[in-house]
Amino acid sequence: MRVKRWKTGAGSLVVAIDGPVASGKSSVGKAAAEALGLRFLDTGVMYRAVTWLALHRGVPVTDFLAIGSLAEGCQMDVAADAPGAAAIFIDGHQLGDALVADAVNRNVSAVSAVSAVRTALVQQQRAIAADGGIVMVGRDIGSVVLPCATVKLYIDASAEERARRRFQQMQGSSASTNYEQILGDTLRRDELDMGRADSPLMVADGAITIKTDGISLEETIAVVVAAINAGKSVNPPGRALRK
C-alpha cells in the first residue's frame, strides 16, 4: 500500500481512543481533537475504504488472499490535517457517504480481520501518528497501533444503548431502521471484533474506560477532554513515540 500523508508540527501529544461499534468514539474523538487543536484520524475509515474497494471490484471478502493483496497494492491518500477529520481517497476515488453504505457496514469487520490488511494499515497509522499532535480512534489503537500513546481511552456503552443510538440516527434514511436488526448487527460486530485472532478489540493496558450509557454527547466530550488534559500532565512528552 502506498499512502500519502500530510505532516504538521502539532506537537508530541498522541491520544489513542478505542471502543466497540457505535460507542460514539469517533464523534467524541473528533470533537475532543477540535477542542484541543489536534489532528484527528478515525482509522475505521481506512478499513472501510479497503472494504469499499473490494466490493467495487467484486473481490469476495471471504477470499483472504485476494483481500490482502488488494490492501497491499492499492494507493490510499490520507489527509489528517490539524484540526479536524481526515479526508480519504483510494485508487483515485474520494470516499464520503459510500463509507457507511449498508454493504460496507455488513462486510467491514470481515475485511478488518484479515491479517494482511491490518499489517498494511497499521504501518501507515503509525507513520501518521509519528508527526504527533493527534487523536487516533479505532479498535486496536492503544493495544497494537500505539501501545505507548500518551493517553489511552476506551469509550464503551451497552449493546442496547449503541443500537438505540444507531436506530435514531437512521430514522428517515433509506437504510433499514428495524431496531432488532440493528441490535443483532451490533452484537455480531462485537463478536467479530472481539473474537478475531489478529488485534482483537480489547481494553488496552493503562487505558481509562469511559461508559457513556445515560450521558449526553456533550457530557462525554467534556469527560474525554478532561481525561486527555489530565493524562498530559502525568505522561512525559515523547512517551507516545517510543517503541
C-alpha atoms as a PDB file:
ATOM      1  CA  MET A   1       0.000   0.000   0.000  1.00  0.00           C
ATOM      2  CA  ARG A   2       1.207   3.445  -0.909  1.00  0.00           C
ATOM      3  CA  VAL A   3      -0.121   6.155   1.396  1.00  0.00           C
ATOM      4  CA  LYS A   4       0.327   9.889   1.080  1.00  0.00           C
ATOM      5  CA  ARG A   5       0.158  11.753   4.373  1.00  0.00           C
ATOM      6  CA  TRP A   6       0.198  15.401   5.405  1.00  0.00           C
ATOM      7  CA  LYS A   7       2.716  16.425   8.070  1.00  0.00           C
ATOM      8  CA  THR A   8       2.094  19.062  10.715  1.00  0.00           C
ATOM      9  CA  GLY A   9       4.052  20.451  13.625  1.00  0.00           C
ATOM     10  CA  ALA A  10       1.271  19.807  16.113  1.00  0.00           C
ATOM     11  CA  GLY A  11       3.410  18.604  18.998  1.00  0.00           C
ATOM     12  CA  SER A  12       4.130  15.303  20.683  1.00  0.00           C
ATOM     13  CA  LEU A  13       0.740  14.518  22.258  1.00  0.00           C
ATOM     14  CA  VAL A  14      -0.773  11.278  20.912  1.00  0.00           C
ATOM     15  CA  VAL A  15      -4.175  10.107  22.121  1.00  0.00           C
ATOM     16  CA  ALA A  16      -5.454   6.575  21.448  1.00  0.00           C
ATOM     17  CA  ILE A  17      -9.203   6.014  21.669  1.00  0.00           C
ATOM     18  CA  ASP A  18     -10.715   2.562  21.252  1.00  0.00           C
ATOM     19  CA  GLY A  19     -14.203   1.166  21.614  1.00  0.00           C
ATOM     20  CA  PRO A  20     -16.861  -1.030  20.032  1.00  0.00           C
ATOM     21  CA  VAL A  21     -19.040  -0.135  17.069  1.00  0.00           C
ATOM     22  CA  ALA A  22     -21.436   2.798  17.629  1.00  0.00           C
ATOM     23  CA  SER A  23     -19.964   3.641  21.042  1.00  0.00           C
ATOM     24  CA  GLY A  24     -19.582   7.271  19.976  1.00  0.00           C
ATOM     25  CA  LYS A  25     -15.786   7.175  19.965  1.00  0.00           C
ATOM     26  CA  SER A  26     -15.465   8.836  16.558  1.00  0.00           C
ATOM     27  CA  SER A  27     -17.821  11.734  17.319  1.00  0.00           C
ATOM     28  CA  VAL A  28     -16.270  12.236  20.735  1.00  0.00           C
ATOM     29  CA  GLY A  29     -12.710  11.888  19.462  1.00  0.00           C
ATOM     30  CA  LYS A  30     -13.244  14.382  16.655  1.00  0.00           C
ATOM     31  CA  ALA A  31     -14.842  16.938  18.980  1.00  0.00           C
ATOM     32  CA  ALA A  32     -12.068  16.498  21.559  1.00  0.00           C
ATOM     33  CA  ALA A  33      -9.408  16.918  18.857  1.00  0.00           C
ATOM     34  CA  GLU A  34     -11.037  20.133  17.666  1.00  0.00           C
ATOM     35  CA  ALA A  35     -11.288  21.447  21.239  1.00  0.00           C
ATOM     36  CA  LEU A  36      -7.588  20.749  21.831  1.00  0.00           C
ATOM     37  CA  GLY A  37      -6.313  21.847  18.399  1.00  0.00           C
ATOM     38  CA  LEU A  38      -5.151  18.351  17.437  1.00  0.00           C
ATOM     39  CA  ARG A  39      -5.377  16.337  14.237  1.00  0.00           C
ATOM     40  CA  PHE A  40      -7.960  13.566  14.129  1.00  0.00           C
ATOM     41  CA  LEU A  41      -7.924  10.205  12.386  1.00  0.00           C
ATOM     42  CA  ASP A  42     -10.674   7.609  12.608  1.00  0.00           C
ATOM     43  CA  THR A  43      -8.737   4.552  11.443  1.00  0.00           C
ATOM     44  CA  GLY A  44     -12.016   2.785  10.752  1.00  0.00           C
ATOM     45  CA  VAL A  45     -12.367   4.789   7.537  1.00  0.00           C
ATOM     46  CA  MET A  46      -9.205   3.133   6.252  1.00  0.00           C
ATOM     47  CA  TYR A  47     -10.674  -0.335   6.743  1.00  0.00           C
ATOM     48  CA  ARG A  48     -13.946   0.865   5.263  1.00  0.00           C
ATOM     49  CA  ALA A  49     -12.092   2.201   2.236  1.00  0.00           C
ATOM     50  CA  VAL A  50     -10.488  -1.198   1.606  1.00  0.00           C
ATOM     51  CA  THR A  51     -13.892  -2.853   2.077  1.00  0.00           C
ATOM     52  CA  TRP A  52     -15.483  -0.450  -0.397  1.00  0.00           C
ATOM     53  CA  LEU A  53     -12.737  -1.125  -2.936  1.00  0.00           C
ATOM     54  CA  ALA A  54     -13.194  -4.890  -2.589  1.00  0.00           C
ATOM     55  CA  LEU A  55     -16.940  -4.587  -3.165  1.00  0.00           C
ATOM     56  CA  HIS A  56     -16.392  -2.113  -6.005  1.00  0.00           C
ATOM     57  CA  ARG A  57     -14.072  -4.563  -7.754  1.00  0.00           C
ATOM     58  CA  GLY A  58     -16.112  -7.650  -6.946  1.00  0.00           C
ATOM     59  CA  VAL A  59     -13.464  -9.221  -4.726  1.00  0.00           C
ATOM     60  CA  PRO A  60     -15.117 -11.687  -2.288  1.00  0.00           C
ATOM     61  CA  VAL A  61     -14.483 -10.610   1.310  1.00  0.00           C
ATOM     62  CA  THR A  62     -14.083 -14.297   2.168  1.00  0.00           C
ATOM     63  CA  ASP A  63     -11.040 -14.548  -0.126  1.00  0.00           C
ATOM     64  CA  PHE A  64      -8.409 -13.541   2.399  1.00  0.00           C
ATOM     65  CA  LEU A  65      -5.506 -13.764  -0.031  1.00  0.00           C
ATOM     66  CA  ALA A  66      -7.237 -11.525  -2.575  1.00  0.00           C
ATOM     67  CA  ILE A  67      -8.326  -9.022   0.092  1.00  0.00           C
ATOM     68  CA  GLY A  68      -4.791  -8.889   1.492  1.00  0.00           C
ATOM     69  CA  SER A  69      -3.313  -8.328  -1.969  1.00  0.00           C
ATOM     70  CA  LEU A  70      -5.867  -5.601  -2.612  1.00  0.00           C
ATOM     71  CA  ALA A  71      -4.910  -3.768   0.597  1.00  0.00           C
ATOM     72  CA  GLU A  72      -1.184  -4.103  -0.080  1.00  0.00           C
ATOM     73  CA  GLY A  73      -1.427  -2.950  -3.695  1.00  0.00           C
ATOM     74  CA  CYS A  74      -3.907  -0.064  -3.532  1.00  0.00           C
ATOM     75  CA  GLN A  75      -2.993   3.605  -3.219  1.00  0.00           C
ATOM     76  CA  MET A  76      -4.604   5.308  -0.263  1.00  0.00           C
ATOM     77  CA  ASP A  77      -4.280   9.047   0.335  1.00  0.00           C
ATOM     78  CA  VAL A  78      -4.998  10.079   3.926  1.00  0.00           C
ATOM     79  CA  ALA A  79      -5.041  13.736   4.941  1.00  0.00           C
ATOM     80  CA  ALA A  80      -5.088  14.183   8.731  1.00  0.00           C
ATOM     81  CA  ASP A  81      -4.669  17.924   8.999  1.00  0.00           C
ATOM     82  CA  ALA A  82      -4.966  19.851  12.269  1.00  0.00           C
ATOM     83  CA  PRO A  83      -7.613  20.189  13.478  1.00  0.00           C
ATOM     84  CA  GLY A  84     -10.377  18.017  12.072  1.00  0.00           C
ATOM     85  CA  ALA A  85     -11.160  14.741  10.393  1.00  0.00           C
ATOM     86  CA  ALA A  86      -9.121  13.046   7.710  1.00  0.00           C
ATOM     87  CA  ALA A  87     -10.050  13.062   4.052  1.00  0.00           C
ATOM     88  CA  ILE A  88      -9.528   9.736   2.315  1.00  0.00           C
ATOM     89  CA  PHE A  89      -9.013   8.647  -1.277  1.00  0.00           C
ATOM     90  CA  ILE A  90      -8.405   5.110  -2.526  1.00  0.00           C
ATOM     91  CA  ASP A  91      -7.120   4.389  -6.019  1.00  0.00           C
ATOM     92  CA  GLY A  92      -8.279   7.845  -7.088  1.00  0.00           C
ATOM     93  CA  HIS A  93     -11.776   7.597  -5.591  1.00  0.00           C
ATOM     94  CA  GLN A  94     -12.699  10.164  -2.931  1.00  0.00           C
ATOM     95  CA  LEU A  95     -14.973   8.402  -0.454  1.00  0.00           C
ATOM     96  CA  GLY A  96     -17.672  10.052   1.599  1.00  0.00           C
ATOM     97  CA  ASP A  97     -21.122   8.595   2.211  1.00  0.00           C
ATOM     98  CA  ALA A  98     -20.064   5.400   0.426  1.00  0.00           C
ATOM     99  CA  LEU A  99     -18.017   4.511   3.506  1.00  0.00           C
ATOM    100  CA  VAL A 100     -21.193   3.991   5.561  1.00  0.00           C
ATOM    101  CA  ALA A 101     -23.242   2.160   2.923  1.00  0.00           C
ATOM    102  CA  ASP A 102     -25.087  -0.933   4.155  1.00  0.00           C
ATOM    103  CA  ALA A 103     -22.842  -3.285   2.169  1.00  0.00           C
ATOM    104  CA  VAL A 104     -19.726  -1.737   3.718  1.00  0.00           C
ATOM    105  CA  ASN A 105     -21.256  -1.913   7.209  1.00  0.00           C
ATOM    106  CA  ARG A 106     -22.006  -5.617   6.763  1.00  0.00           C
ATOM    107  CA  ASN A 107     -18.547  -6.554   5.475  1.00  0.00           C
ATOM    108  CA  VAL A 108     -16.021  -4.253   7.162  1.00  0.00           C
ATOM    109  CA  SER A 109     -15.486  -6.489  10.202  1.00  0.00           C
ATOM    110  CA  ALA A 110     -14.626  -9.441   7.959  1.00  0.00           C
ATOM    111  CA  VAL A 111     -12.143  -7.338   5.981  1.00  0.00           C
ATOM    112  CA  SER A 112     -10.671  -5.889   9.177  1.00  0.00           C
ATOM    113  CA  ALA A 113      -9.978  -9.398  10.462  1.00  0.00           C
ATOM    114  CA  VAL A 114      -7.596 -10.186   7.572  1.00  0.00           C
ATOM    115  CA  SER A 115      -4.047 -10.059   8.947  1.00  0.00           C
ATOM    116  CA  ALA A 116      -2.521  -8.727   5.724  1.00  0.00           C
ATOM    117  CA  VAL A 117      -4.987  -5.844   5.713  1.00  0.00           C
ATOM    118  CA  ARG A 118      -4.214  -4.958   9.326  1.00  0.00           C
ATOM    119  CA  THR A 119      -0.465  -5.155   8.722  1.00  0.00           C
ATOM    120  CA  ALA A 120      -0.676  -2.794   5.756  1.00  0.00           C
ATOM    121  CA  LEU A 121      -2.861  -0.258   7.538  1.00  0.00           C
ATOM    122  CA  VAL A 122      -1.186  -0.340  10.962  1.00  0.00           C
ATOM    123  CA  GLN A 123       2.141   0.589   9.390  1.00  0.00           C
ATOM    124  CA  GLN A 124       0.581   3.682   7.849  1.00  0.00           C
ATOM    125  CA  GLN A 125      -1.325   4.614  11.002  1.00  0.00           C
ATOM    126  CA  ARG A 126       1.927   4.613  12.974  1.00  0.00           C
ATOM    127  CA  ALA A 127       3.578   6.765  10.327  1.00  0.00           C
ATOM    128  CA  ILE A 128       0.765   9.311  10.556  1.00  0.00           C
ATOM    129  CA  ALA A 129       0.922   9.350  14.366  1.00  0.00           C
ATOM    130  CA  ALA A 130       4.700   9.851  14.311  1.00  0.00           C
ATOM    131  CA  ASP A 131       4.102  13.520  13.469  1.00  0.00           C
ATOM    132  CA  GLY A 132       2.419  13.898  16.886  1.00  0.00           C
ATOM    133  CA  GLY A 133      -0.453  16.123  17.889  1.00  0.00           C
ATOM    134  CA  ILE A 134      -3.208  13.655  17.032  1.00  0.00           C
ATOM    135  CA  VAL A 135      -6.255  11.875  18.382  1.00  0.00           C
ATOM    136  CA  MET A 136      -6.464   8.449  16.725  1.00  0.00           C
ATOM    137  CA  VAL A 137      -9.596   6.336  17.028  1.00  0.00           C
ATOM    138  CA  GLY A 138     -10.148   2.649  16.297  1.00  0.00           C
ATOM    139  CA  ARG A 139     -10.383  -0.795  17.847  1.00  0.00           C
ATOM    140  CA  ASP A 140      -6.714  -1.636  18.410  1.00  0.00           C
ATOM    141  CA  ILE A 141      -5.043   1.764  18.724  1.00  0.00           C
ATOM    142  CA  GLY A 142      -3.982   1.583  22.371  1.00  0.00           C
ATOM    143  CA  SER A 143      -3.240  -2.147  22.308  1.00  0.00           C
ATOM    144  CA  VAL A 144      -1.452  -2.591  18.950  1.00  0.00           C
ATOM    145  CA  VAL A 145      -1.050   0.534  16.817  1.00  0.00           C
ATOM    146  CA  LEU A 146       0.161   2.949  19.505  1.00  0.00           C
ATOM    147  CA  PRO A 147       0.813   0.961  22.691  1.00  0.00           C
ATOM    148  CA  CYS A 148       2.911   3.832  24.073  1.00  0.00           C
ATOM    149  CA  ALA A 149       0.338   6.567  23.398  1.00  0.00           C
ATOM    150  CA  THR A 150       0.447   9.495  25.793  1.00  0.00           C
ATOM    151  CA  VAL A 151      -3.205   8.966  26.737  1.00  0.00           C
ATOM    152  CA  LYS A 152      -5.325   5.838  26.173  1.00  0.00           C
ATOM    153  CA  LEU A 153      -9.106   5.837  26.446  1.00  0.00           C
ATOM    154  CA  TYR A 154     -11.766   3.173  25.888  1.00  0.00           C
ATOM    155  CA  ILE A 155     -15.227   4.538  25.070  1.00  0.00           C
ATOM    156  CA  ASP A 156     -17.947   1.993  25.822  1.00  0.00           C
ATOM    157  CA  ALA A 157     -21.716   1.590  26.080  1.00  0.00           C
ATOM    158  CA  SER A 158     -24.091  -1.342  26.279  1.00  0.00           C
ATOM    159  CA  ALA A 159     -25.078  -3.042  23.018  1.00  0.00           C
ATOM    160  CA  GLU A 160     -28.666  -1.940  23.593  1.00  0.00           C
ATOM    161  CA  GLU A 161     -27.648   1.697  24.026  1.00  0.00           C
ATOM    162  CA  ARG A 162     -25.429   1.604  20.952  1.00  0.00           C
ATOM    163  CA  ALA A 163     -28.181   0.021  18.867  1.00  0.00           C
ATOM    164  CA  ARG A 164     -30.678   2.626  20.105  1.00  0.00           C
ATOM    165  CA  ARG A 165     -28.350   5.447  19.036  1.00  0.00           C
ATOM    166  CA  ARG A 166     -27.802   3.897  15.623  1.00  0.00           C
ATOM    167  CA  PHE A 167     -31.565   3.363  15.255  1.00  0.00           C
ATOM    168  CA  GLN A 168     -32.218   7.040  15.991  1.00  0.00           C
ATOM    169  CA  GLN A 169     -29.518   8.138  13.535  1.00  0.00           C
ATOM    170  CA  MET A 170     -31.047   6.055  10.773  1.00  0.00           C
ATOM    171  CA  GLN A 171     -34.598   7.323  11.197  1.00  0.00           C
ATOM    172  CA  GLY A 172     -35.782   8.908   7.958  1.00  0.00           C
ATOM    173  CA  SER A 173     -32.974   7.409   5.893  1.00  0.00           C
ATOM    174  CA  SER A 174     -33.375   4.894   3.081  1.00  0.00           C
ATOM    175  CA  ALA A 175     -31.458   2.303   5.109  1.00  0.00           C
ATOM    176  CA  SER A 176     -33.050  -0.287   7.371  1.00  0.00           C
ATOM    177  CA  THR A 177     -34.432   1.193  10.608  1.00  0.00           C
ATOM    178  CA  ASN A 178     -35.501  -2.006  12.389  1.00  0.00           C
ATOM    179  CA  TYR A 179     -34.160  -1.818  15.951  1.00  0.00           C
ATOM    180  CA  GLU A 180     -33.956  -5.575  16.470  1.00  0.00           C
ATOM    181  CA  GLN A 181     -31.979  -5.963  13.256  1.00  0.00           C
ATOM    182  CA  ILE A 182     -29.618  -3.164  14.281  1.00  0.00           C
ATOM    183  CA  LEU A 183     -29.146  -4.733  17.727  1.00  0.00           C
ATOM    184  CA  GLY A 184     -28.405  -8.085  16.094  1.00  0.00           C
ATOM    185  CA  ASP A 185     -25.874  -6.453  13.753  1.00  0.00           C
ATOM    186  CA  THR A 186     -24.262  -4.676  16.719  1.00  0.00           C
ATOM    187  CA  LEU A 187     -23.870  -7.919  18.670  1.00  0.00           C
ATOM    188  CA  ARG A 188     -22.496  -9.678  15.582  1.00  0.00           C
ATOM    189  CA  ARG A 189     -19.940  -6.906  15.031  1.00  0.00           C
ATOM    190  CA  ASP A 190     -18.895  -7.116  18.685  1.00  0.00           C
ATOM    191  CA  GLU A 191     -18.380 -10.871  18.402  1.00  0.00           C
ATOM    192  CA  LEU A 192     -16.312 -10.498  15.235  1.00  0.00           C
ATOM    193  CA  ASP A 193     -14.231  -7.596  16.561  1.00  0.00           C
ATOM    194  CA  MET A 194     -13.553  -9.122  19.973  1.00  0.00           C
ATOM    195  CA  GLY A 195     -13.086 -12.678  18.737  1.00  0.00           C
ATOM    196  CA  ARG A 196     -10.692 -12.201  15.827  1.00  0.00           C
ATOM    197  CA  ALA A 197      -7.246 -13.719  16.210  1.00  0.00           C
ATOM    198  CA  ASP A 198      -5.377 -10.645  14.954  1.00  0.00           C
ATOM    199  CA  SER A 199      -5.628  -7.485  17.102  1.00  0.00           C
ATOM    200  CA  PRO A 200      -8.982  -8.143  18.791  1.00  0.00           C
ATOM    201  CA  LEU A 201     -10.954  -5.315  20.327  1.00  0.00           C
ATOM    202  CA  MET A 202      -9.948  -5.018  23.977  1.00  0.00           C
ATOM    203  CA  VAL A 203      -9.256  -2.501  26.712  1.00  0.00           C
ATOM    204  CA  ALA A 204      -5.566  -1.644  26.310  1.00  0.00           C
ATOM    205  CA  ASP A 205      -3.183  -1.744  29.255  1.00  0.00           C
ATOM    206  CA  GLY A 206      -3.314   1.602  31.023  1.00  0.00           C
ATOM    207  CA  ALA A 207      -6.483   2.751  29.261  1.00  0.00           C
ATOM    208  CA  ILE A 208      -9.211   4.683  31.067  1.00  0.00           C
ATOM    209  CA  THR A 209     -12.668   3.236  30.378  1.00  0.00           C
ATOM    210  CA  ILE A 210     -15.478   5.754  29.938  1.00  0.00           C
ATOM    211  CA  LYS A 211     -19.026   4.349  29.964  1.00  0.00           C
ATOM    212  CA  THR A 212     -21.440   6.559  28.029  1.00  0.00           C
ATOM    213  CA  ASP A 213     -24.809   4.969  28.865  1.00  0.00           C
ATOM    214  CA  GLY A 214     -27.165   7.675  30.070  1.00  0.00           C
ATOM    215  CA  ILE A 215     -24.897  10.665  29.435  1.00  0.00           C
ATOM    216  CA  SER A 216     -25.090  13.099  26.549  1.00  0.00           C
ATOM    217  CA  LEU A 217     -22.546  13.560  23.775  1.00  0.00           C
ATOM    218  CA  GLU A 218     -21.585  16.956  25.210  1.00  0.00           C
ATOM    219  CA  GLU A 219     -21.006  15.450  28.659  1.00  0.00           C
ATOM    220  CA  THR A 220     -18.915  12.652  27.186  1.00  0.00           C
ATOM    221  CA  ILE A 221     -16.788  15.128  25.213  1.00  0.00           C
ATOM    222  CA  ALA A 222     -16.142  17.113  28.398  1.00  0.00           C
ATOM    223  CA  VAL A 223     -15.085  13.955  30.257  1.00  0.00           C
ATOM    224  CA  VAL A 224     -12.746  12.936  27.418  1.00  0.00           C
ATOM    225  CA  VAL A 225     -11.139  16.382  27.137  1.00  0.00           C
ATOM    226  CA  ALA A 226     -10.577  16.412  30.900  1.00  0.00           C
ATOM    227  CA  ALA A 227      -9.047  12.923  30.772  1.00  0.00           C
ATOM    228  CA  ILE A 228      -6.689  13.958  27.962  1.00  0.00           C
ATOM    229  CA  ASN A 229      -5.605  17.092  29.804  1.00  0.00           C
ATOM    230  CA  ALA A 230      -5.036  15.077  32.986  1.00  0.00           C
ATOM    231  CA  GLY A 231      -3.062  12.457  31.068  1.00  0.00           C
ATOM    232  CA  LYS A 232      -0.809  15.080  29.523  1.00  0.00           C
ATOM    233  CA  SER A 233       0.390  16.125  32.956  1.00  0.00           C
ATOM    234  CA  VAL A 234       1.056  12.527  34.046  1.00  0.00           C
ATOM    235  CA  ASN A 235       2.844  11.153  30.960  1.00  0.00           C
ATOM    236  CA  PRO A 236       6.072  12.834  29.818  1.00  0.00           C
ATOM    237  CA  PRO A 237       6.356  14.335  26.298  1.00  0.00           C
ATOM    238  CA  GLY A 238       7.580  11.889  23.700  1.00  0.00           C
ATOM    239  CA  ARG A 239       6.266   8.814  25.512  1.00  0.00           C
ATOM    240  CA  ALA A 240       3.815   8.233  22.681  1.00  0.00           C
ATOM    241  CA  LEU A 241       6.507   7.695  20.092  1.00  0.00           C
ATOM    242  CA  ARG A 242       8.894   5.425  21.959  1.00  0.00           C
ATOM    243  CA  LYS A 243       8.899   1.796  20.871  1.00  0.00           C
END
